[in-house]
Protein backbone atom coordinates (compact mmCIF):
# COMPACT_ATOMS: atom_id res chain seq x y z
CA UNK A 1 -27.24 20.80 -46.96
CA UNK A 2 -24.10 21.80 -47.33
CA UNK A 3 -22.36 23.37 -49.88
CA UNK A 4 -18.64 22.38 -50.04
CA UNK A 5 -16.60 24.67 -52.86
CA UNK A 6 -13.29 25.70 -54.39
CA UNK A 7 -12.50 29.26 -55.76
CA UNK A 8 -10.10 30.75 -57.58
CA UNK A 9 -10.55 33.87 -58.77
CA UNK A 10 -13.99 34.73 -56.36
CA UNK A 11 -16.12 33.83 -58.60
CA UNK A 12 -17.50 31.06 -56.97
CA UNK A 13 -17.48 32.13 -53.91
CA UNK A 14 -19.55 35.42 -54.48
CA UNK A 15 -22.19 32.77 -55.95
CA UNK A 16 -22.03 30.48 -52.79
CA UNK A 17 -22.65 33.60 -50.45
CA UNK A 18 -25.71 34.36 -52.73
CA UNK A 19 -27.12 30.75 -51.83
CA UNK A 20 -27.14 31.72 -48.16
CA UNK A 21 -26.62 27.94 -47.26
CA UNK A 22 -23.62 26.59 -45.03
CA UNK A 23 -20.71 26.09 -46.85
CA UNK A 24 -17.53 25.53 -46.45
CA UNK A 25 -14.34 26.48 -48.81
CA UNK A 26 -12.31 23.37 -49.48
CA UNK A 27 -8.95 24.82 -49.10
CA UNK A 28 -9.61 25.74 -45.21
CA UNK A 29 -11.93 23.40 -43.66
CA UNK A 30 -12.45 21.05 -40.35
CA UNK A 31 -13.54 17.53 -40.55
CA UNK A 32 -17.15 18.91 -39.03
CA UNK A 33 -17.65 20.83 -42.01
CA UNK A 34 -18.33 17.64 -43.95
CA UNK A 35 -20.27 15.04 -41.46
CA UNK A 36 -23.20 15.47 -43.52
CA UNK A 37 -23.77 15.88 -47.27
CA UNK A 38 -22.82 18.30 -49.52
CA UNK A 39 -23.03 19.77 -52.95
CA UNK A 40 -19.30 20.56 -54.32
CA UNK A 41 -18.81 23.83 -56.59
CA UNK A 42 -16.26 24.01 -58.92
CA UNK A 43 -14.71 26.97 -61.50
CA UNK A 44 -13.16 25.57 -64.78
CA UNK A 45 -9.59 25.62 -64.79
CA UNK A 46 -6.72 23.65 -65.26
CA UNK A 47 -6.12 19.95 -63.58
CA UNK A 48 -3.33 21.92 -61.95
CA UNK A 49 -5.65 24.59 -60.76
CA UNK A 50 -8.28 22.80 -59.40
CA UNK A 51 -6.53 19.47 -57.85
CA UNK A 52 -7.49 20.79 -54.37
CA UNK A 53 -11.31 19.72 -55.21
CA UNK A 54 -10.32 16.74 -57.41
CA UNK A 55 -7.99 15.21 -53.97
CA UNK A 56 -11.10 16.63 -51.84
CA UNK A 57 -13.63 13.85 -53.55
CA UNK A 58 -10.53 11.70 -53.11
CA UNK A 59 -11.52 11.26 -49.41
CA UNK A 60 -15.01 12.60 -49.54
CA UNK A 61 -16.77 11.89 -52.38
CA UNK A 62 -18.98 9.59 -50.98
CA UNK A 63 -20.68 12.07 -48.58
CA UNK A 64 -21.27 14.50 -52.38
CA UNK A 65 -24.66 14.60 -53.59
CA UNK A 66 -23.50 16.16 -57.03
CA UNK A 67 -21.46 19.03 -58.40
CA UNK A 68 -22.08 22.50 -59.60
CA UNK A 69 -19.93 24.59 -62.80
CA UNK A 70 -19.22 27.92 -63.14
CA UNK A 71 -17.68 28.44 -66.37
CA UNK A 72 -17.38 31.37 -69.27
CA UNK A 73 -19.93 29.93 -72.68
CA UNK A 74 -17.40 31.65 -74.78
CA UNK A 75 -15.74 28.37 -74.17
CA UNK A 76 -18.13 26.45 -76.09
CA UNK A 77 -17.31 22.56 -75.33
CA UNK A 78 -15.02 23.46 -72.49
CA UNK A 79 -17.92 25.09 -70.44
CA UNK A 80 -17.90 23.52 -67.33
CA UNK A 81 -15.16 20.95 -67.94
CA UNK A 82 -13.80 20.26 -64.26
CA UNK A 83 -16.93 20.45 -62.90
CA UNK A 84 -17.44 17.87 -65.74
CA UNK A 85 -14.91 15.56 -65.96
CA UNK A 86 -15.29 15.06 -61.93
CA UNK A 87 -18.59 14.22 -62.18
CA UNK A 88 -17.60 11.23 -64.75
CA UNK A 89 -14.28 10.21 -62.32
CA UNK A 90 -16.55 9.91 -59.24
CA UNK A 91 -19.62 8.79 -60.91
CA UNK A 92 -21.37 12.19 -59.16
CA UNK A 93 -24.29 13.96 -61.20
CA UNK A 94 -23.54 16.63 -63.13
CA UNK A 95 -26.19 19.29 -61.10
CA UNK A 96 -26.15 22.43 -62.92
CA UNK A 97 -23.74 24.43 -64.10
CA UNK A 98 -23.66 28.42 -64.31
CA UNK A 99 -21.53 31.54 -66.02
CA UNK A 100 -19.12 33.56 -64.08
CA UNK A 101 -21.12 34.46 -60.19
CA UNK A 102 -24.73 33.59 -61.59
CA UNK A 103 -27.82 34.82 -61.84
CA UNK A 104 -30.33 35.52 -59.82
CA UNK A 105 -32.45 33.12 -61.61
CA UNK A 106 -29.45 30.31 -61.26
CA UNK A 107 -29.22 30.96 -57.75
CA UNK A 108 -33.07 30.20 -57.59
CA UNK A 109 -32.32 27.32 -60.14
CA UNK A 110 -29.87 25.75 -57.47
CA UNK A 111 -32.08 26.59 -54.74
CA UNK A 112 -35.11 24.01 -55.93
CA UNK A 113 -32.10 21.12 -56.54
CA UNK A 114 -31.48 21.45 -53.25
CA UNK A 115 -34.85 21.27 -52.11
CA UNK A 116 -35.22 17.76 -54.04
CA UNK A 117 -31.92 16.24 -52.49
CA UNK A 118 -32.32 16.30 -49.28
């Protein structure tokens, strides 16, 4: 399973690297990156910052198996709202959420989720 991701500060990029799976950043991808299905990982920011993830899903949501969200739990109900909003808009499952660049437990949980999707 490939991992597509959008990263603003590098937190999401660091999390994706921990997964040790084929991945590509949606701001710099080639058509061959999306020949197969993927999972999208996004941070939590206002839509004017995360619009590349929305635009990417406009074109490729049919290949997306679900969304992972990164955020800060200090924001309460706003925790991972970008991932939740995209999941709802494109009728995709919200697979998992984690803080910042995730823990080893988050990595293990996501890898387990991915094995069930394959």
